[in-house]
Amino acid sequence: MNILFNEKWLKEYSPIPLNYNLKEVQNYIKIAEQIWLEPILGYNFYQELLYQVKVNEVSEENSTLFTEALYPLLGYAVALEALPFIWSHISEVGITLGKSDNSDSITLKDITYIESHLRRQVEVRKDYLIKFLCEHCKSYPIFNPSGICGCGCPCSDGAKLNKPQPLWTIYSTLKRCTDLI
């Protein structure tokens, strides 16, 4: 399975603790890439990035894209997608909550708060990725922002940025992709 994000980057950019068994969340890396990245990057650009990672020949521009925008987004997106299965475990006896002798499981209210917080982080990082790509669109000729950017820059044709839900608007005040965060 080709992925852009590996365990090394997950440890660096994710809110998941370093001592956590990351094998439990590895399945969610590809899911997070498909849900949060591919719709923004487009199929062709996403495939190009996958190929460059696979052959270990990432261009300088793409390397900057990874560290500035993709990996910070993916770190939180993986945590968001894996969260229900970090909180609970499916086993032969059914679905159970993680609990040990020294700790109690969090409540559904707690997990909902954490999920909302992670989603806000992902939405802000998603908008930053779009802004980054639009500001540097000449460096990424395969990126086709049609319907994504919406700021009137040369890489756009009039669509709006994907805004988070109204409860998250406090974190997203961008009106143009070239505005400063």
N, C-alpha and C. Protein backbone atom coordinates (compact mmCIF):
# COMPACT_ATOMS: atom_id res chain seq x y z
N MET A 1 0.85 -1.18 0.00
CA MET A 1 0.00 0.00 0.00
C MET A 1 0.89 1.24 0.00
N ASN A 2 0.67 2.10 -0.95
CA ASN A 2 1.42 3.35 -1.03
C ASN A 2 0.75 4.40 -0.16
N ILE A 3 1.56 5.03 0.68
CA ILE A 3 1.07 6.11 1.52
C ILE A 3 2.12 7.22 1.55
N LEU A 4 1.68 8.43 1.83
CA LEU A 4 2.58 9.57 1.91
C LEU A 4 3.16 9.72 3.31
N PHE A 5 2.49 9.19 4.28
CA PHE A 5 2.75 9.46 5.69
C PHE A 5 3.16 8.17 6.36
N ASN A 6 4.32 8.15 7.00
CA ASN A 6 4.73 6.93 7.68
C ASN A 6 4.83 7.16 9.19
N GLU A 7 5.26 6.13 9.88
CA GLU A 7 5.31 6.17 11.35
C GLU A 7 6.22 7.29 11.86
N LYS A 8 7.32 7.54 11.18
CA LYS A 8 8.24 8.61 11.58
C LYS A 8 7.52 9.96 11.60
N TRP A 9 6.80 10.25 10.52
CA TRP A 9 6.09 11.53 10.42
C TRP A 9 4.88 11.57 11.34
N LEU A 10 4.27 10.43 11.54
CA LEU A 10 3.13 10.36 12.45
C LEU A 10 3.57 10.74 13.87
N LYS A 11 4.73 10.24 14.28
CA LYS A 11 5.25 10.58 15.61
C LYS A 11 5.55 12.07 15.72
N GLU A 12 6.03 12.67 14.64
CA GLU A 12 6.42 14.08 14.69
C GLU A 12 5.24 15.04 14.61
N TYR A 13 4.24 14.71 13.80
CA TYR A 13 3.18 15.67 13.52
C TYR A 13 1.83 15.35 14.15
N SER A 14 1.69 14.22 14.78
CA SER A 14 0.40 13.80 15.32
C SER A 14 0.31 14.11 16.82
N PRO A 15 -0.90 14.34 17.32
CA PRO A 15 -1.06 14.52 18.76
C PRO A 15 -1.04 13.19 19.52
N ILE A 16 -0.92 12.08 18.81
CA ILE A 16 -0.87 10.77 19.45
C ILE A 16 0.47 10.65 20.18
N PRO A 17 0.48 10.18 21.42
CA PRO A 17 1.73 10.11 22.20
C PRO A 17 2.79 9.23 21.53
N LEU A 18 4.04 9.60 21.72
CA LEU A 18 5.15 8.87 21.10
C LEU A 18 5.22 7.41 21.54
N ASN A 19 4.80 7.12 22.77
CA ASN A 19 4.90 5.75 23.27
C ASN A 19 3.67 4.91 22.91
N TYR A 20 2.75 5.47 22.15
CA TYR A 20 1.55 4.74 21.73
C TYR A 20 1.93 3.71 20.67
N ASN A 21 1.26 2.56 20.67
CA ASN A 21 1.51 1.54 19.66
C ASN A 21 0.91 2.02 18.33
N LEU A 22 1.75 2.60 17.49
CA LEU A 22 1.27 3.21 16.26
C LEU A 22 0.77 2.20 15.24
N LYS A 23 1.05 0.93 15.45
CA LYS A 23 0.51 -0.10 14.55
C LYS A 23 -1.03 -0.11 14.60
N GLU A 24 -1.59 0.34 15.72
CA GLU A 24 -3.04 0.38 15.86
C GLU A 24 -3.69 1.47 15.01
N VAL A 25 -2.92 2.46 14.59
CA VAL A 25 -3.49 3.55 13.79
C VAL A 25 -2.98 3.56 12.35
N GLN A 26 -2.07 2.69 12.00
CA GLN A 26 -1.50 2.69 10.65
C GLN A 26 -2.56 2.50 9.57
N ASN A 27 -3.59 1.72 9.83
CA ASN A 27 -4.64 1.51 8.83
C ASN A 27 -5.39 2.80 8.50
N TYR A 28 -5.34 3.77 9.38
CA TYR A 28 -6.08 5.00 9.19
C TYR A 28 -5.28 6.06 8.42
N ILE A 29 -4.03 5.79 8.15
CA ILE A 29 -3.22 6.73 7.37
C ILE A 29 -3.78 6.84 5.96
N LYS A 30 -3.97 5.73 5.29
CA LYS A 30 -4.48 5.75 3.92
C LYS A 30 -5.89 6.33 3.89
N ILE A 31 -6.71 5.99 4.87
CA ILE A 31 -8.07 6.53 4.94
C ILE A 31 -8.03 8.05 5.08
N ALA A 32 -7.17 8.56 5.96
CA ALA A 32 -7.05 10.00 6.15
C ALA A 32 -6.56 10.68 4.86
N GLU A 33 -5.63 10.06 4.17
CA GLU A 33 -5.14 10.62 2.91
C GLU A 33 -6.28 10.70 1.89
N GLN A 34 -7.06 9.64 1.80
CA GLN A 34 -8.16 9.61 0.81
C GLN A 34 -9.28 10.59 1.17
N ILE A 35 -9.56 10.76 2.44
CA ILE A 35 -10.65 11.64 2.86
C ILE A 35 -10.22 13.11 2.84
N TRP A 36 -9.03 13.40 3.35
CA TRP A 36 -8.64 14.78 3.58
C TRP A 36 -7.68 15.35 2.54
N LEU A 37 -6.88 14.53 1.87
CA LEU A 37 -5.90 15.06 0.92
C LEU A 37 -6.31 14.94 -0.54
N GLU A 38 -6.66 13.75 -0.95
CA GLU A 38 -6.91 13.53 -2.37
C GLU A 38 -7.96 14.48 -2.95
N PRO A 39 -9.06 14.78 -2.24
CA PRO A 39 -10.02 15.74 -2.81
C PRO A 39 -9.43 17.14 -3.03
N ILE A 40 -8.47 17.53 -2.24
CA ILE A 40 -7.83 18.84 -2.39
C ILE A 40 -6.78 18.79 -3.49
N LEU A 41 -5.91 17.80 -3.42
CA LEU A 41 -4.80 17.70 -4.37
C LEU A 41 -5.25 17.30 -5.76
N GLY A 42 -6.30 16.51 -5.84
CA GLY A 42 -6.70 15.93 -7.11
C GLY A 42 -5.97 14.61 -7.32
N TYR A 43 -6.57 13.75 -8.09
CA TYR A 43 -6.04 12.40 -8.29
C TYR A 43 -4.62 12.42 -8.86
N ASN A 44 -4.38 13.20 -9.92
CA ASN A 44 -3.08 13.19 -10.59
C ASN A 44 -1.95 13.69 -9.69
N PHE A 45 -2.20 14.79 -8.99
CA PHE A 45 -1.18 15.33 -8.10
C PHE A 45 -0.91 14.37 -6.94
N TYR A 46 -1.97 13.80 -6.38
CA TYR A 46 -1.83 12.82 -5.30
C TYR A 46 -1.01 11.61 -5.77
N GLN A 47 -1.29 11.10 -6.96
CA GLN A 47 -0.55 9.96 -7.49
C GLN A 47 0.91 10.32 -7.73
N GLU A 48 1.18 11.53 -8.20
CA GLU A 48 2.57 11.96 -8.39
C GLU A 48 3.32 11.97 -7.07
N LEU A 49 2.68 12.50 -6.02
CA LEU A 49 3.31 12.53 -4.70
C LEU A 49 3.56 11.11 -4.18
N LEU A 50 2.58 10.23 -4.35
CA LEU A 50 2.76 8.83 -3.95
C LEU A 50 3.94 8.20 -4.66
N TYR A 51 4.06 8.44 -5.96
CA TYR A 51 5.16 7.87 -6.73
C TYR A 51 6.50 8.41 -6.25
N GLN A 52 6.60 9.72 -6.03
CA GLN A 52 7.86 10.29 -5.57
C GLN A 52 8.27 9.73 -4.21
N VAL A 53 7.31 9.51 -3.33
CA VAL A 53 7.62 8.93 -2.03
C VAL A 53 8.05 7.48 -2.20
N LYS A 54 7.36 6.75 -3.06
CA LYS A 54 7.67 5.33 -3.27
C LYS A 54 9.10 5.14 -3.79
N VAL A 55 9.52 5.96 -4.75
CA VAL A 55 10.87 5.81 -5.33
C VAL A 55 11.90 6.64 -4.57
N ASN A 56 11.46 7.33 -3.51
CA ASN A 56 12.33 8.13 -2.66
C ASN A 56 13.05 9.22 -3.45
N GLU A 57 12.31 9.88 -4.32
CA GLU A 57 12.84 11.00 -5.10
C GLU A 57 11.86 12.16 -5.05
N VAL A 58 11.65 12.70 -3.86
CA VAL A 58 10.71 13.80 -3.67
C VAL A 58 11.39 15.11 -4.08
N SER A 59 10.73 15.86 -4.96
CA SER A 59 11.29 17.14 -5.41
C SER A 59 11.38 18.11 -4.24
N GLU A 60 12.19 19.14 -4.41
CA GLU A 60 12.37 20.13 -3.35
C GLU A 60 11.05 20.84 -3.04
N GLU A 61 10.28 21.18 -4.09
CA GLU A 61 8.99 21.85 -3.89
C GLU A 61 8.03 20.94 -3.12
N ASN A 62 7.99 19.68 -3.50
CA ASN A 62 7.09 18.75 -2.81
C ASN A 62 7.54 18.46 -1.39
N SER A 63 8.84 18.45 -1.17
CA SER A 63 9.35 18.26 0.18
C SER A 63 8.89 19.41 1.09
N THR A 64 8.95 20.61 0.57
CA THR A 64 8.45 21.77 1.32
C THR A 64 6.96 21.65 1.56
N LEU A 65 6.22 21.22 0.55
CA LEU A 65 4.78 21.02 0.69
C LEU A 65 4.48 20.01 1.79
N PHE A 66 5.23 18.92 1.83
CA PHE A 66 5.02 17.91 2.86
C PHE A 66 5.19 18.49 4.25
N THR A 67 6.33 19.14 4.49
CA THR A 67 6.63 19.60 5.85
C THR A 67 5.82 20.83 6.26
N GLU A 68 5.48 21.68 5.30
CA GLU A 68 4.75 22.90 5.63
C GLU A 68 3.24 22.69 5.77
N ALA A 69 2.68 21.79 4.95
CA ALA A 69 1.23 21.73 4.92
C ALA A 69 0.64 20.32 4.98
N LEU A 70 1.21 19.37 4.26
CA LEU A 70 0.60 18.03 4.22
C LEU A 70 0.75 17.27 5.52
N TYR A 71 1.96 17.18 6.04
CA TYR A 71 2.17 16.39 7.25
C TYR A 71 1.45 16.96 8.48
N PRO A 72 1.44 18.29 8.68
CA PRO A 72 0.65 18.79 9.81
C PRO A 72 -0.84 18.45 9.68
N LEU A 73 -1.38 18.50 8.46
CA LEU A 73 -2.77 18.12 8.24
C LEU A 73 -2.96 16.63 8.49
N LEU A 74 -2.11 15.82 7.92
CA LEU A 74 -2.25 14.37 8.07
C LEU A 74 -2.10 13.89 9.50
N GLY A 75 -1.21 14.51 10.26
CA GLY A 75 -1.02 14.11 11.65
C GLY A 75 -2.32 14.17 12.44
N TYR A 76 -3.05 15.25 12.27
CA TYR A 76 -4.32 15.40 12.98
C TYR A 76 -5.44 14.62 12.31
N ALA A 77 -5.41 14.50 10.98
CA ALA A 77 -6.44 13.74 10.27
C ALA A 77 -6.38 12.26 10.63
N VAL A 78 -5.19 11.71 10.77
CA VAL A 78 -5.05 10.31 11.17
C VAL A 78 -5.61 10.12 12.58
N ALA A 79 -5.27 11.04 13.49
CA ALA A 79 -5.80 10.94 14.85
C ALA A 79 -7.32 11.03 14.85
N LEU A 80 -7.87 11.92 14.03
CA LEU A 80 -9.33 12.07 13.94
C LEU A 80 -9.99 10.81 13.41
N GLU A 81 -9.44 10.23 12.36
CA GLU A 81 -10.04 9.04 11.76
C GLU A 81 -9.88 7.81 12.66
N ALA A 82 -8.80 7.74 13.41
CA ALA A 82 -8.55 6.58 14.27
C ALA A 82 -9.21 6.71 15.65
N LEU A 83 -9.66 7.91 15.99
CA LEU A 83 -10.15 8.18 17.34
C LEU A 83 -11.19 7.18 17.86
N PRO A 84 -12.21 6.83 17.10
CA PRO A 84 -13.19 5.88 17.65
C PRO A 84 -12.57 4.53 18.02
N PHE A 85 -11.53 4.16 17.30
CA PHE A 85 -10.92 2.86 17.53
C PHE A 85 -9.75 2.93 18.51
N ILE A 86 -9.33 4.13 18.83
CA ILE A 86 -8.39 4.33 19.94
C ILE A 86 -9.20 4.28 21.24
N TRP A 87 -10.38 4.87 21.21
CA TRP A 87 -11.26 4.95 22.38
C TRP A 87 -11.85 3.59 22.72
N SER A 88 -12.21 2.82 21.70
CA SER A 88 -12.82 1.51 21.93
C SER A 88 -12.06 0.46 21.12
N HIS A 89 -12.27 -0.77 21.48
CA HIS A 89 -11.59 -1.87 20.80
C HIS A 89 -12.62 -2.92 20.39
N ILE A 90 -12.45 -3.44 19.20
CA ILE A 90 -13.32 -4.51 18.73
C ILE A 90 -12.56 -5.81 18.93
N SER A 91 -13.16 -6.71 19.65
CA SER A 91 -12.51 -7.99 19.91
C SER A 91 -13.53 -9.11 19.76
N GLU A 92 -13.10 -10.33 20.04
CA GLU A 92 -14.00 -11.48 19.91
C GLU A 92 -15.18 -11.43 20.89
N VAL A 93 -15.05 -10.64 21.96
CA VAL A 93 -16.14 -10.53 22.93
C VAL A 93 -17.05 -9.35 22.64
N GLY A 94 -16.71 -8.56 21.63
CA GLY A 94 -17.52 -7.41 21.26
C GLY A 94 -16.71 -6.13 21.32
N ILE A 95 -17.40 -5.02 21.39
CA ILE A 95 -16.75 -3.71 21.46
C ILE A 95 -16.58 -3.34 22.93
N THR A 96 -15.35 -3.01 23.29
CA THR A 96 -15.05 -2.66 24.67
C THR A 96 -14.34 -1.31 24.72
N LEU A 97 -14.43 -0.64 25.86
CA LEU A 97 -13.69 0.60 26.06
C LEU A 97 -12.34 0.26 26.65
N GLY A 98 -11.34 1.06 26.26
CA GLY A 98 -10.01 0.86 26.83
C GLY A 98 -10.01 1.23 28.29
N LYS A 99 -9.63 0.31 29.14
CA LYS A 99 -9.59 0.58 30.58
C LYS A 99 -8.55 -0.34 31.21
N SER A 100 -7.81 0.23 32.14
CA SER A 100 -6.86 -0.60 32.89
C SER A 100 -7.14 -0.40 34.37
N ASP A 101 -6.38 -1.10 35.20
CA ASP A 101 -6.57 -0.98 36.64
C ASP A 101 -6.24 0.42 37.15
N ASN A 102 -5.36 1.12 36.43
CA ASN A 102 -4.90 2.43 36.88
C ASN A 102 -5.66 3.60 36.26
N SER A 103 -6.56 3.34 35.33
CA SER A 103 -7.24 4.45 34.68
C SER A 103 -8.67 4.07 34.32
N ASP A 104 -9.47 5.09 34.13
CA ASP A 104 -10.85 4.90 33.70
C ASP A 104 -11.00 5.38 32.27
N SER A 105 -11.95 4.83 31.58
CA SER A 105 -12.25 5.28 30.22
C SER A 105 -12.93 6.63 30.27
N ILE A 106 -12.75 7.40 29.23
CA ILE A 106 -13.45 8.68 29.15
C ILE A 106 -14.88 8.43 28.71
N THR A 107 -15.72 9.40 28.93
CA THR A 107 -17.13 9.27 28.58
C THR A 107 -17.36 9.63 27.12
N LEU A 108 -18.56 9.35 26.65
CA LEU A 108 -18.92 9.72 25.29
C LEU A 108 -18.87 11.24 25.13
N LYS A 109 -19.25 11.98 26.15
CA LYS A 109 -19.16 13.44 26.12
C LYS A 109 -17.71 13.88 25.95
N ASP A 110 -16.80 13.24 26.65
CA ASP A 110 -15.37 13.55 26.54
C ASP A 110 -14.85 13.26 25.13
N ILE A 111 -15.22 12.12 24.59
CA ILE A 111 -14.74 11.73 23.26
C ILE A 111 -15.31 12.67 22.20
N THR A 112 -16.54 13.14 22.40
CA THR A 112 -17.15 14.09 21.47
C THR A 112 -16.39 15.42 21.50
N TYR A 113 -15.98 15.86 22.69
CA TYR A 113 -15.18 17.08 22.80
C TYR A 113 -13.85 16.91 22.08
N ILE A 114 -13.18 15.80 22.29
CA ILE A 114 -11.89 15.55 21.65
C ILE A 114 -12.05 15.49 20.14
N GLU A 115 -13.10 14.82 19.68
CA GLU A 115 -13.34 14.72 18.24
C GLU A 115 -13.58 16.10 17.64
N SER A 116 -14.34 16.94 18.32
CA SER A 116 -14.60 18.30 17.83
C SER A 116 -13.31 19.11 17.76
N HIS A 117 -12.48 18.96 18.77
CA HIS A 117 -11.21 19.69 18.78
C HIS A 117 -10.31 19.22 17.63
N LEU A 118 -10.20 17.92 17.45
CA LEU A 118 -9.40 17.40 16.34
C LEU A 118 -9.94 17.86 14.99
N ARG A 119 -11.25 17.84 14.83
CA ARG A 119 -11.87 18.27 13.56
C ARG A 119 -11.57 19.74 13.28
N ARG A 120 -11.62 20.59 14.32
CA ARG A 120 -11.27 22.01 14.12
C ARG A 120 -9.83 22.15 13.65
N GLN A 121 -8.93 21.39 14.27
CA GLN A 121 -7.53 21.42 13.87
C GLN A 121 -7.37 20.99 12.40
N VAL A 122 -8.05 19.93 12.03
CA VAL A 122 -7.95 19.42 10.66
C VAL A 122 -8.51 20.44 9.67
N GLU A 123 -9.63 21.05 10.00
CA GLU A 123 -10.23 22.04 9.10
C GLU A 123 -9.31 23.24 8.89
N VAL A 124 -8.70 23.73 9.96
CA VAL A 124 -7.78 24.85 9.84
C VAL A 124 -6.56 24.45 9.01
N ARG A 125 -6.04 23.27 9.24
CA ARG A 125 -4.87 22.80 8.49
C ARG A 125 -5.23 22.52 7.03
N LYS A 126 -6.47 22.11 6.79
CA LYS A 126 -6.93 21.90 5.41
C LYS A 126 -6.97 23.24 4.67
N ASP A 127 -7.52 24.27 5.32
CA ASP A 127 -7.55 25.59 4.70
C ASP A 127 -6.13 26.12 4.46
N TYR A 128 -5.23 25.84 5.40
CA TYR A 128 -3.84 26.27 5.21
C TYR A 128 -3.21 25.56 4.00
N LEU A 129 -3.48 24.28 3.83
CA LEU A 129 -2.96 23.54 2.67
C LEU A 129 -3.46 24.18 1.39
N ILE A 130 -4.74 24.49 1.32
CA ILE A 130 -5.29 25.13 0.12
C ILE A 130 -4.62 26.48 -0.11
N LYS A 131 -4.48 27.25 0.95
CA LYS A 131 -3.82 28.57 0.85
C LYS A 131 -2.38 28.41 0.36
N PHE A 132 -1.66 27.46 0.92
CA PHE A 132 -0.27 27.21 0.53
C PHE A 132 -0.19 26.85 -0.95
N LEU A 133 -1.04 25.94 -1.40
CA LEU A 133 -1.02 25.52 -2.80
C LEU A 133 -1.36 26.68 -3.73
N CYS A 134 -2.33 27.49 -3.34
CA CYS A 134 -2.70 28.63 -4.18
C CYS A 134 -1.59 29.67 -4.25
N GLU A 135 -0.94 29.92 -3.12
CA GLU A 135 0.16 30.90 -3.10
C GLU A 135 1.35 30.43 -3.92
N HIS A 136 1.52 29.12 -4.02
CA HIS A 136 2.67 28.55 -4.73
C HIS A 136 2.25 27.75 -5.96
N CYS A 137 1.14 28.14 -6.58
CA CYS A 137 0.57 27.35 -7.67
C CYS A 137 1.53 27.20 -8.85
N LYS A 138 2.44 28.12 -9.03
CA LYS A 138 3.42 28.00 -10.13
C LYS A 138 4.42 26.88 -9.87
N SER A 139 4.63 26.53 -8.62
CA SER A 139 5.54 25.43 -8.27
C SER A 139 4.88 24.07 -8.40
N TYR A 140 3.55 24.06 -8.52
CA TYR A 140 2.80 22.81 -8.59
C TYR A 140 1.88 22.81 -9.81
N PRO A 141 2.46 22.71 -11.01
CA PRO A 141 1.64 22.82 -12.23
C PRO A 141 0.60 21.72 -12.37
N ILE A 142 0.81 20.58 -11.73
CA ILE A 142 -0.15 19.49 -11.84
C ILE A 142 -1.35 19.70 -10.92
N PHE A 143 -1.22 20.61 -9.96
CA PHE A 143 -2.33 20.93 -9.05
C PHE A 143 -3.39 21.69 -9.84
N ASN A 144 -4.61 21.18 -9.81
CA ASN A 144 -5.72 21.82 -10.51
C ASN A 144 -6.73 22.28 -9.46
N PRO A 145 -6.70 23.55 -9.09
CA PRO A 145 -7.52 24.02 -7.98
C PRO A 145 -8.97 24.31 -8.34
N SER A 146 -9.40 23.96 -9.51
CA SER A 146 -10.76 24.29 -9.95
C SER A 146 -11.78 23.95 -8.86
N GLY A 147 -12.47 24.98 -8.41
CA GLY A 147 -13.50 24.79 -7.40
C GLY A 147 -12.98 24.75 -5.98
N ILE A 148 -11.69 24.96 -5.76
CA ILE A 148 -11.14 24.87 -4.40
C ILE A 148 -10.76 26.24 -3.86
N CYS A 149 -10.00 26.99 -4.61
CA CYS A 149 -9.36 28.19 -4.08
C CYS A 149 -10.33 29.35 -3.92
N GLY A 150 -10.83 29.86 -5.00
CA GLY A 150 -11.85 30.89 -4.96
C GLY A 150 -11.42 32.25 -4.50
N CYS A 151 -10.16 32.59 -4.63
CA CYS A 151 -9.70 33.87 -4.12
C CYS A 151 -9.41 34.87 -5.22
N GLY A 152 -9.55 34.48 -6.45
CA GLY A 152 -9.25 35.38 -7.55
C GLY A 152 -7.80 35.36 -7.97
N CYS A 153 -6.98 34.52 -7.37
CA CYS A 153 -5.58 34.43 -7.78
C CYS A 153 -5.51 33.69 -9.12
N PRO A 154 -4.35 33.69 -9.78
CA PRO A 154 -4.26 33.07 -11.11
C PRO A 154 -4.62 31.59 -11.13
N CYS A 155 -4.59 30.93 -10.00
CA CYS A 155 -4.86 29.50 -10.00
C CYS A 155 -6.32 29.19 -9.72
N SER A 156 -7.17 30.19 -9.74
CA SER A 156 -8.56 29.98 -9.35
C SER A 156 -9.51 30.40 -10.45
N ASP A 157 -10.70 29.83 -10.42
CA ASP A 157 -11.73 30.31 -11.33
C ASP A 157 -13.04 30.59 -10.61
N GLY A 158 -12.95 31.13 -9.41
CA GLY A 158 -14.11 31.70 -8.77
C GLY A 158 -14.80 30.94 -7.66
N ALA A 159 -14.36 29.76 -7.29
CA ALA A 159 -15.02 29.02 -6.22
C ALA A 159 -14.56 29.53 -4.87
N LYS A 160 -15.23 29.14 -3.81
CA LYS A 160 -14.89 29.56 -2.45
C LYS A 160 -14.09 28.49 -1.73
N LEU A 161 -13.32 28.92 -0.73
CA LEU A 161 -12.64 27.97 0.14
C LEU A 161 -13.68 27.13 0.86
N ASN A 162 -13.36 25.88 1.12
CA ASN A 162 -14.24 25.04 1.92
C ASN A 162 -14.16 25.52 3.36
N LYS A 163 -15.23 26.09 3.85
CA LYS A 163 -15.24 26.61 5.21
C LYS A 163 -15.69 25.53 6.18
N PRO A 164 -15.16 25.53 7.38
CA PRO A 164 -15.63 24.57 8.37
C PRO A 164 -17.06 24.90 8.78
N GLN A 165 -17.64 24.02 9.53
CA GLN A 165 -18.99 24.25 10.02
C GLN A 165 -19.02 25.55 10.83
N PRO A 166 -20.21 26.19 10.94
CA PRO A 166 -20.29 27.49 11.62
C PRO A 166 -19.67 27.52 13.01
N LEU A 167 -19.74 26.42 13.75
CA LEU A 167 -19.14 26.41 15.09
C LEU A 167 -17.63 26.57 15.04
N TRP A 168 -17.03 26.28 13.89
CA TRP A 168 -15.57 26.33 13.77
C TRP A 168 -15.08 27.59 13.08
N THR A 169 -15.96 28.52 12.77
CA THR A 169 -15.55 29.70 12.01
C THR A 169 -14.59 30.58 12.79
N ILE A 170 -14.55 30.46 14.09
CA ILE A 170 -13.58 31.23 14.87
C ILE A 170 -12.15 30.91 14.43
N TYR A 171 -11.93 29.69 13.93
CA TYR A 171 -10.60 29.26 13.54
C TYR A 171 -10.30 29.56 12.07
N SER A 172 -11.27 29.99 11.30
CA SER A 172 -11.07 30.18 9.89
C SER A 172 -11.62 31.53 9.45
N THR A 173 -10.75 32.51 9.33
CA THR A 173 -11.18 33.84 8.95
C THR A 173 -10.68 34.22 7.56
N LEU A 174 -10.15 33.26 6.82
CA LEU A 174 -9.57 33.56 5.52
C LEU A 174 -10.65 34.02 4.53
N LYS A 175 -10.39 35.11 3.85
CA LYS A 175 -11.27 35.56 2.80
C LYS A 175 -10.63 35.31 1.44
N ARG A 176 -9.32 35.34 1.41
CA ARG A 176 -8.56 35.08 0.18
C ARG A 176 -7.40 34.15 0.56
N CYS A 177 -6.99 33.31 -0.37
CA CYS A 177 -5.93 32.37 -0.02
C CYS A 177 -4.61 33.08 0.20
N THR A 178 -4.48 34.32 -0.22
CA THR A 178 -3.23 35.03 -0.03
C THR A 178 -3.21 35.86 1.25
N ASP A 179 -4.32 35.88 2.00
CA ASP A 179 -4.33 36.56 3.29
C ASP A 179 -3.40 35.85 4.25
N LEU A 180 -2.85 36.59 5.16
CA LEU A 180 -1.99 35.98 6.18
C LEU A 180 -2.85 35.30 7.21
N ILE A 181 -2.34 34.19 7.75
CA ILE A 181 -3.06 33.49 8.82
C ILE A 181 -2.79 34.18 10.13
